[in-house]
Amino acid sequence: MAAQPGQMSYLSLETQVFAEARVLFRIPPRAFKPAPKVDSAVVRLDVHESPDVEVDDIAAFLALARAGFAA
């Protein structure tokens, strides 16, 4: 969700269109039972007043981005 360009997934792109995402802190797997095989994090989302991209059709923009990530 808070990834930088070049490391982004569709989830991070869509999240950052609508909000500023910041990792507050990480949570190790041992904090959960059973322990997952991934690290976790608490992420703060500060929602933008309007989308952070200037396009005529935000749904079409996101559909194009989703298709790009699916390719």
PDB file of N, CA and C in Angstrom:
ATOM      1  N   MET A   1       0.812  -1.198   0.000  1.00  0.00           N
ATOM      2  CA  MET A   1       0.000   0.000   0.000  1.00  0.00           C
ATOM      3  C   MET A   1       0.859   1.268   0.000  1.00  0.00           C
ATOM      4  N   ALA A   2       2.003   1.193   0.627  1.00  0.00           N
ATOM      5  CA  ALA A   2       2.879   2.364   0.733  1.00  0.00           C
ATOM      6  C   ALA A   2       4.125   2.216  -0.130  1.00  0.00           C
ATOM      7  N   ALA A   3       4.092   1.318  -1.098  1.00  0.00           N
ATOM      8  CA  ALA A   3       5.268   1.058  -1.942  1.00  0.00           C
ATOM      9  C   ALA A   3       5.632   2.281  -2.784  1.00  0.00           C
ATOM     10  N   GLN A   4       6.901   2.346  -3.122  1.00  0.00           N
ATOM     11  CA  GLN A   4       7.411   3.420  -3.975  1.00  0.00           C
ATOM     12  C   GLN A   4       7.317   2.997  -5.442  1.00  0.00           C
ATOM     13  N   PRO A   5       7.335   3.969  -6.377  1.00  0.00           N
ATOM     14  CA  PRO A   5       7.318   3.616  -7.804  1.00  0.00           C
ATOM     15  C   PRO A   5       8.427   2.614  -8.127  1.00  0.00           C
ATOM     16  N   GLY A   6       8.080   1.653  -8.957  1.00  0.00           N
ATOM     17  CA  GLY A   6       9.001   0.586  -9.303  1.00  0.00           C
ATOM     18  C   GLY A   6       8.793  -0.648  -8.442  1.00  0.00           C
ATOM     19  N   GLN A   7       8.133  -0.487  -7.314  1.00  0.00           N
ATOM     20  CA  GLN A   7       7.850  -1.597  -6.395  1.00  0.00           C
ATOM     21  C   GLN A   7       6.341  -1.765  -6.179  1.00  0.00           C
ATOM     22  N   MET A   8       5.548  -0.968  -6.872  1.00  0.00           N
ATOM     23  CA  MET A   8       4.113  -0.909  -6.602  1.00  0.00           C
ATOM     24  C   MET A   8       3.341  -2.075  -7.204  1.00  0.00           C
ATOM     25  N   SER A   9       2.261  -2.418  -6.526  1.00  0.00           N
ATOM     26  CA  SER A   9       1.269  -3.362  -7.032  1.00  0.00           C
ATOM     27  C   SER A   9       0.022  -2.542  -7.364  1.00  0.00           C
ATOM     28  N   TYR A  10      -0.994  -3.210  -7.901  1.00  0.00           N
ATOM     29  CA  TYR A  10      -2.239  -2.487  -8.170  1.00  0.00           C
ATOM     30  C   TYR A  10      -2.827  -1.943  -6.869  1.00  0.00           C
ATOM     31  N   LEU A  11      -2.729  -2.719  -5.782  1.00  0.00           N
ATOM     32  CA  LEU A  11      -3.252  -2.258  -4.493  1.00  0.00           C
ATOM     33  C   LEU A  11      -2.574  -0.961  -4.060  1.00  0.00           C
ATOM     34  N   SER A  12      -1.262  -0.884  -4.189  1.00  0.00           N
ATOM     35  CA  SER A  12      -0.570   0.334  -3.778  1.00  0.00           C
ATOM     36  C   SER A  12      -0.919   1.506  -4.691  1.00  0.00           C
ATOM     37  N   LEU A  13      -1.059   1.265  -5.986  1.00  0.00           N
ATOM     38  CA  LEU A  13      -1.435   2.339  -6.899  1.00  0.00           C
ATOM     39  C   LEU A  13      -2.817   2.879  -6.555  1.00  0.00           C
ATOM     40  N   GLU A  14      -3.786   1.987  -6.402  1.00  0.00           N
ATOM     41  CA  GLU A  14      -5.145   2.440  -6.105  1.00  0.00           C
ATOM     42  C   GLU A  14      -5.198   3.140  -4.749  1.00  0.00           C
ATOM     43  N   THR A  15      -4.510   2.610  -3.769  1.00  0.00           N
ATOM     44  CA  THR A  15      -4.479   3.236  -2.449  1.00  0.00           C
ATOM     45  C   THR A  15      -3.914   4.647  -2.540  1.00  0.00           C
ATOM     46  N   GLN A  16      -2.795   4.814  -3.257  1.00  0.00           N
ATOM     47  CA  GLN A  16      -2.132   6.109  -3.310  1.00  0.00           C
ATOM     48  C   GLN A  16      -2.847   7.124  -4.198  1.00  0.00           C
ATOM     49  N   VAL A  17      -3.747   6.674  -5.048  1.00  0.00           N
ATOM     50  CA  VAL A  17      -4.581   7.612  -5.808  1.00  0.00           C
ATOM     51  C   VAL A  17      -5.522   8.343  -4.856  1.00  0.00           C
ATOM     52  N   PHE A  18      -6.021   7.620  -3.849  1.00  0.00           N
ATOM     53  CA  PHE A  18      -7.032   8.172  -2.956  1.00  0.00           C
ATOM     54  C   PHE A  18      -6.527   8.585  -1.580  1.00  0.00           C
ATOM     55  N   ALA A  19      -5.296   8.194  -1.218  1.00  0.00           N
ATOM     56  CA  ALA A  19      -4.806   8.503   0.128  1.00  0.00           C
ATOM     57  C   ALA A  19      -3.280   8.503   0.150  1.00  0.00           C
ATOM     58  N   GLU A  20      -2.730   9.141   1.167  1.00  0.00           N
ATOM     59  CA  GLU A  20      -1.296   9.041   1.436  1.00  0.00           C
ATOM     60  C   GLU A  20      -1.116   7.885   2.406  1.00  0.00           C
ATOM     61  N   ALA A  21      -0.323   6.907   2.024  1.00  0.00           N
ATOM     62  CA  ALA A  21      -0.105   5.722   2.855  1.00  0.00           C
ATOM     63  C   ALA A  21       1.275   5.797   3.491  1.00  0.00           C
ATOM     64  N   ARG A  22       1.321   5.626   4.814  1.00  0.00           N
ATOM     65  CA  ARG A  22       2.601   5.640   5.522  1.00  0.00           C
ATOM     66  C   ARG A  22       2.671   4.450   6.466  1.00  0.00           C
ATOM     67  N   VAL A  23       3.767   3.730   6.404  1.00  0.00           N
ATOM     68  CA  VAL A  23       3.984   2.626   7.336  1.00  0.00           C
ATOM     69  C   VAL A  23       4.354   3.228   8.688  1.00  0.00           C
ATOM     70  N   LEU A  24       3.556   2.921   9.706  1.00  0.00           N
ATOM     71  CA  LEU A  24       3.843   3.434  11.043  1.00  0.00           C
ATOM     72  C   LEU A  24       4.828   2.535  11.771  1.00  0.00           C
ATOM     73  N   PHE A  25       4.598   1.226  11.728  1.00  0.00           N
ATOM     74  CA  PHE A  25       5.535   0.280  12.314  1.00  0.00           C
ATOM     75  C   PHE A  25       5.251  -1.110  11.792  1.00  0.00           C
ATOM     76  N   ARG A  26       6.221  -1.972  11.920  1.00  0.00           N
ATOM     77  CA  ARG A  26       6.122  -3.356  11.460  1.00  0.00           C
ATOM     78  C   ARG A  26       5.799  -4.269  12.639  1.00  0.00           C
ATOM     79  N   ILE A  27       5.141  -5.379  12.319  1.00  0.00           N
ATOM     80  CA  ILE A  27       4.770  -6.361  13.330  1.00  0.00           C
ATOM     81  C   ILE A  27       5.380  -7.703  12.915  1.00  0.00           C
ATOM     82  N   PRO A  28       6.191  -8.305  13.764  1.00  0.00           N
ATOM     83  CA  PRO A  28       6.830  -9.571  13.399  1.00  0.00           C
ATOM     84  C   PRO A  28       5.821 -10.724  13.398  1.00  0.00           C
ATOM     85  N   PRO A  29       6.113 -11.764  12.635  1.00  0.00           N
ATOM     86  CA  PRO A  29       5.216 -12.920  12.585  1.00  0.00           C
ATOM     87  C   PRO A  29       4.948 -13.537  13.955  1.00  0.00           C
ATOM     88  N   ARG A  30       5.913 -13.492  14.857  1.00  0.00           N
ATOM     89  CA  ARG A  30       5.735 -14.118  16.173  1.00  0.00           C
ATOM     90  C   ARG A  30       4.638 -13.447  17.013  1.00  0.00           C
ATOM     91  N   ALA A  31       4.149 -12.279  16.578  1.00  0.00           N
ATOM     92  CA  ALA A  31       3.081 -11.586  17.306  1.00  0.00           C
ATOM     93  C   ALA A  31       1.715 -12.233  17.070  1.00  0.00           C
ATOM     94  N   PHE A  32       1.628 -13.172  16.130  1.00  0.00           N
ATOM     95  CA  PHE A  32       0.370 -13.821  15.786  1.00  0.00           C
ATOM     96  C   PHE A  32       0.427 -15.306  16.084  1.00  0.00           C
ATOM     97  N   LYS A  33      -0.708 -15.886  16.348  1.00  0.00           N
ATOM     98  CA  LYS A  33      -0.824 -17.336  16.546  1.00  0.00           C
ATOM     99  C   LYS A  33      -1.896 -17.859  15.604  1.00  0.00           C
ATOM    100  N   PRO A  34      -1.622 -18.713  14.680  1.00  0.00           N
ATOM    101  CA  PRO A  34      -0.286 -19.171  14.318  1.00  0.00           C
ATOM    102  C   PRO A  34       0.482 -18.066  13.588  1.00  0.00           C
ATOM    103  N   ALA A  35       1.775 -18.139  13.649  1.00  0.00           N
ATOM    104  CA  ALA A  35       2.632 -17.134  13.014  1.00  0.00           C
ATOM    105  C   ALA A  35       2.531 -17.254  11.495  1.00  0.00           C
ATOM    106  N   PRO A  36       2.216 -16.152  10.798  1.00  0.00           N
ATOM    107  CA  PRO A  36       2.178 -16.200   9.332  1.00  0.00           C
ATOM    108  C   PRO A  36       3.593 -16.264   8.765  1.00  0.00           C
ATOM    109  N   LYS A  37       3.688 -16.540   7.493  1.00  0.00           N
ATOM    110  CA  LYS A  37       4.996 -16.612   6.830  1.00  0.00           C
ATOM    111  C   LYS A  37       5.377 -15.282   6.188  1.00  0.00           C
ATOM    112  N   VAL A  38       4.712 -14.208   6.600  1.00  0.00           N
ATOM    113  CA  VAL A  38       4.974 -12.868   6.069  1.00  0.00           C
ATOM    114  C   VAL A  38       5.087 -11.882   7.225  1.00  0.00           C
ATOM    115  N   ASP A  39       5.729 -10.760   6.978  1.00  0.00           N
ATOM    116  CA  ASP A  39       5.759  -9.678   7.956  1.00  0.00           C
ATOM    117  C   ASP A  39       4.496  -8.844   7.789  1.00  0.00           C
ATOM    118  N   SER A  40       4.063  -8.200   8.850  1.00  0.00           N
ATOM    119  CA  SER A  40       2.887  -7.336   8.814  1.00  0.00           C
ATOM    120  C   SER A  40       3.304  -5.917   9.178  1.00  0.00           C
ATOM    121  N   ALA A  41       2.405  -4.976   8.931  1.00  0.00           N
ATOM    122  CA  ALA A  41       2.688  -3.588   9.281  1.00  0.00           C
ATOM    123  C   ALA A  41       1.379  -2.863   9.561  1.00  0.00           C
ATOM    124  N   VAL A  42       1.471  -1.830  10.368  1.00  0.00           N
ATOM    125  CA  VAL A  42       0.340  -0.927  10.577  1.00  0.00           C
ATOM    126  C   VAL A  42       0.574   0.243   9.641  1.00  0.00           C
ATOM    127  N   VAL A  43      -0.420   0.523   8.802  1.00  0.00           N
ATOM    128  CA  VAL A  43      -0.309   1.565   7.791  1.00  0.00           C
ATOM    129  C   VAL A  43      -1.344   2.653   8.074  1.00  0.00           C
ATOM    130  N   ARG A  44      -0.907   3.885   8.046  1.00  0.00           N
ATOM    131  CA  ARG A  44      -1.817   5.019   8.215  1.00  0.00           C
ATOM    132  C   ARG A  44      -2.212   5.516   6.836  1.00  0.00           C
ATOM    133  N   LEU A  45      -3.526   5.727   6.634  1.00  0.00           N
ATOM    134  CA  LEU A  45      -4.040   6.273   5.375  1.00  0.00           C
ATOM    135  C   LEU A  45      -4.659   7.628   5.642  1.00  0.00           C
ATOM    136  N   ASP A  46      -4.091   8.675   5.052  1.00  0.00           N
ATOM    137  CA  ASP A  46      -4.670  10.010   5.113  1.00  0.00           C
ATOM    138  C   ASP A  46      -5.346  10.253   3.769  1.00  0.00           C
ATOM    139  N   VAL A  47      -6.669  10.237   3.774  1.00  0.00           N
ATOM    140  CA  VAL A  47      -7.448  10.305   2.538  1.00  0.00           C
ATOM    141  C   VAL A  47      -7.359  11.703   1.925  1.00  0.00           C
ATOM    142  N   HIS A  48      -7.099  11.739   0.594  1.00  0.00           N
ATOM    143  CA  HIS A  48      -7.067  12.998  -0.142  1.00  0.00           C
ATOM    144  C   HIS A  48      -8.488  13.533  -0.313  1.00  0.00           C
ATOM    145  N   GLU A  49      -8.627  14.839  -0.429  1.00  0.00           N
ATOM    146  CA  GLU A  49      -9.940  15.429  -0.684  1.00  0.00           C
ATOM    147  C   GLU A  49     -10.466  15.037  -2.055  1.00  0.00           C
ATOM    148  N   SER A  50      -9.560  14.871  -3.007  1.00  0.00           N
ATOM    149  CA  SER A  50      -9.921  14.410  -4.351  1.00  0.00           C
ATOM    150  C   SER A  50      -8.806  13.476  -4.825  1.00  0.00           C
ATOM    151  N   PRO A  51      -9.096  12.638  -5.825  1.00  0.00           N
ATOM    152  CA  PRO A  51      -8.063  11.719  -6.314  1.00  0.00           C
ATOM    153  C   PRO A  51      -6.782  12.465  -6.685  1.00  0.00           C
ATOM    154  N   ASP A  52      -5.654  11.799  -6.508  1.00  0.00           N
ATOM    155  CA  ASP A  52      -4.343  12.405  -6.727  1.00  0.00           C
ATOM    156  C   ASP A  52      -3.890  12.341  -8.187  1.00  0.00           C
ATOM    157  N   VAL A  53      -4.794  12.029  -9.099  1.00  0.00           N
ATOM    158  CA  VAL A  53      -4.514  12.046 -10.532  1.00  0.00           C
ATOM    159  C   VAL A  53      -5.585  12.877 -11.213  1.00  0.00           C
ATOM    160  N   GLU A  54      -5.194  13.591 -12.245  1.00  0.00           N
ATOM    161  CA  GLU A  54      -6.152  14.414 -12.985  1.00  0.00           C
ATOM    162  C   GLU A  54      -6.546  13.689 -14.263  1.00  0.00           C
ATOM    163  N   VAL A  55      -7.669  12.993 -14.204  1.00  0.00           N
ATOM    164  CA  VAL A  55      -8.208  12.279 -15.362  1.00  0.00           C
ATOM    165  C   VAL A  55      -9.704  12.559 -15.419  1.00  0.00           C
ATOM    166  N   ASP A  56     -10.273  12.442 -16.620  1.00  0.00           N
ATOM    167  CA  ASP A  56     -11.707  12.684 -16.779  1.00  0.00           C
ATOM    168  C   ASP A  56     -12.548  11.567 -16.166  1.00  0.00           C
ATOM    169  N   ASP A  57     -12.041  10.335 -16.210  1.00  0.00           N
ATOM    170  CA  ASP A  57     -12.808   9.176 -15.751  1.00  0.00           C
ATOM    171  C   ASP A  57     -11.917   8.304 -14.863  1.00  0.00           C
ATOM    172  N   ILE A  58     -12.072   8.454 -13.557  1.00  0.00           N
ATOM    173  CA  ILE A  58     -11.215   7.724 -12.616  1.00  0.00           C
ATOM    174  C   ILE A  58     -11.439   6.220 -12.738  1.00  0.00           C
ATOM    175  N   ALA A  59     -12.667   5.790 -12.997  1.00  0.00           N
ATOM    176  CA  ALA A  59     -12.942   4.354 -13.141  1.00  0.00           C
ATOM    177  C   ALA A  59     -12.210   3.787 -14.353  1.00  0.00           C
ATOM    178  N   ALA A  60     -12.180   4.513 -15.450  1.00  0.00           N
ATOM    179  CA  ALA A  60     -11.474   4.052 -16.647  1.00  0.00           C
ATOM    180  C   ALA A  60      -9.966   4.026 -16.393  1.00  0.00           C
ATOM    181  N   PHE A  61      -9.452   5.009 -15.683  1.00  0.00           N
ATOM    182  CA  PHE A  61      -8.032   5.044 -15.332  1.00  0.00           C
ATOM    183  C   PHE A  61      -7.655   3.810 -14.506  1.00  0.00           C
ATOM    184  N   LEU A  62      -8.475   3.498 -13.493  1.00  0.00           N
ATOM    185  CA  LEU A  62      -8.180   2.352 -12.647  1.00  0.00           C
ATOM    186  C   LEU A  62      -8.330   1.038 -13.405  1.00  0.00           C
ATOM    187  N   ALA A  63      -9.288   0.963 -14.326  1.00  0.00           N
ATOM    188  CA  ALA A  63      -9.449  -0.246 -15.151  1.00  0.00           C
ATOM    189  C   ALA A  63      -8.208  -0.452 -16.026  1.00  0.00           C
ATOM    190  N   LEU A  64      -7.686   0.627 -16.609  1.00  0.00           N
ATOM    191  CA  LEU A  64      -6.475   0.532 -17.411  1.00  0.00           C
ATOM    192  C   LEU A  64      -5.286   0.095 -16.557  1.00  0.00           C
ATOM    193  N   ALA A  65      -5.165   0.668 -15.356  1.00  0.00           N
ATOM    194  CA  ALA A  65      -4.075   0.290 -14.461  1.00  0.00           C
ATOM    195  C   ALA A  65      -4.198  -1.182 -14.045  1.00  0.00           C
ATOM    196  N   ARG A  66      -5.419  -1.613 -13.739  1.00  0.00           N
ATOM    197  CA  ARG A  66      -5.633  -3.016 -13.351  1.00  0.00           C
ATOM    198  C   ARG A  66      -5.237  -3.955 -14.483  1.00  0.00           C
ATOM    199  N   ALA A  67      -5.598  -3.588 -15.733  1.00  0.00           N
ATOM    200  CA  ALA A  67      -5.223  -4.401 -16.898  1.00  0.00           C
ATOM    201  C   ALA A  67      -3.704  -4.436 -17.050  1.00  0.00           C
ATOM    202  N   GLY A  68      -3.052  -3.328 -16.833  1.00  0.00           N
ATOM    203  CA  GLY A  68      -1.593  -3.286 -16.937  1.00  0.00           C
ATOM    204  C   GLY A  68      -0.914  -4.184 -15.923  1.00  0.00           C
ATOM    205  N   PHE A  69      -1.406  -4.183 -14.673  1.00  0.00           N
ATOM    206  CA  PHE A  69      -0.816  -5.031 -13.658  1.00  0.00           C
ATOM    207  C   PHE A  69      -1.141  -6.500 -13.892  1.00  0.00           C
ATOM    208  N   ALA A  70      -2.243  -6.797 -14.567  1.00  0.00           N
ATOM    209  CA  ALA A  70      -2.635  -8.175 -14.829  1.00  0.00           C
ATOM    210  C   ALA A  70      -1.831  -8.780 -15.985  1.00  0.00           C
ATOM    211  N   ALA A  71      -1.243  -7.915 -16.823  1.00  0.00           N
ATOM    212  CA  ALA A  71      -0.509  -8.415 -18.003  1.00  0.00           C
ATOM    213  C   ALA A  71       0.801  -9.062 -17.618  1.00  0.00           C
TER     214      ALA A  71
END
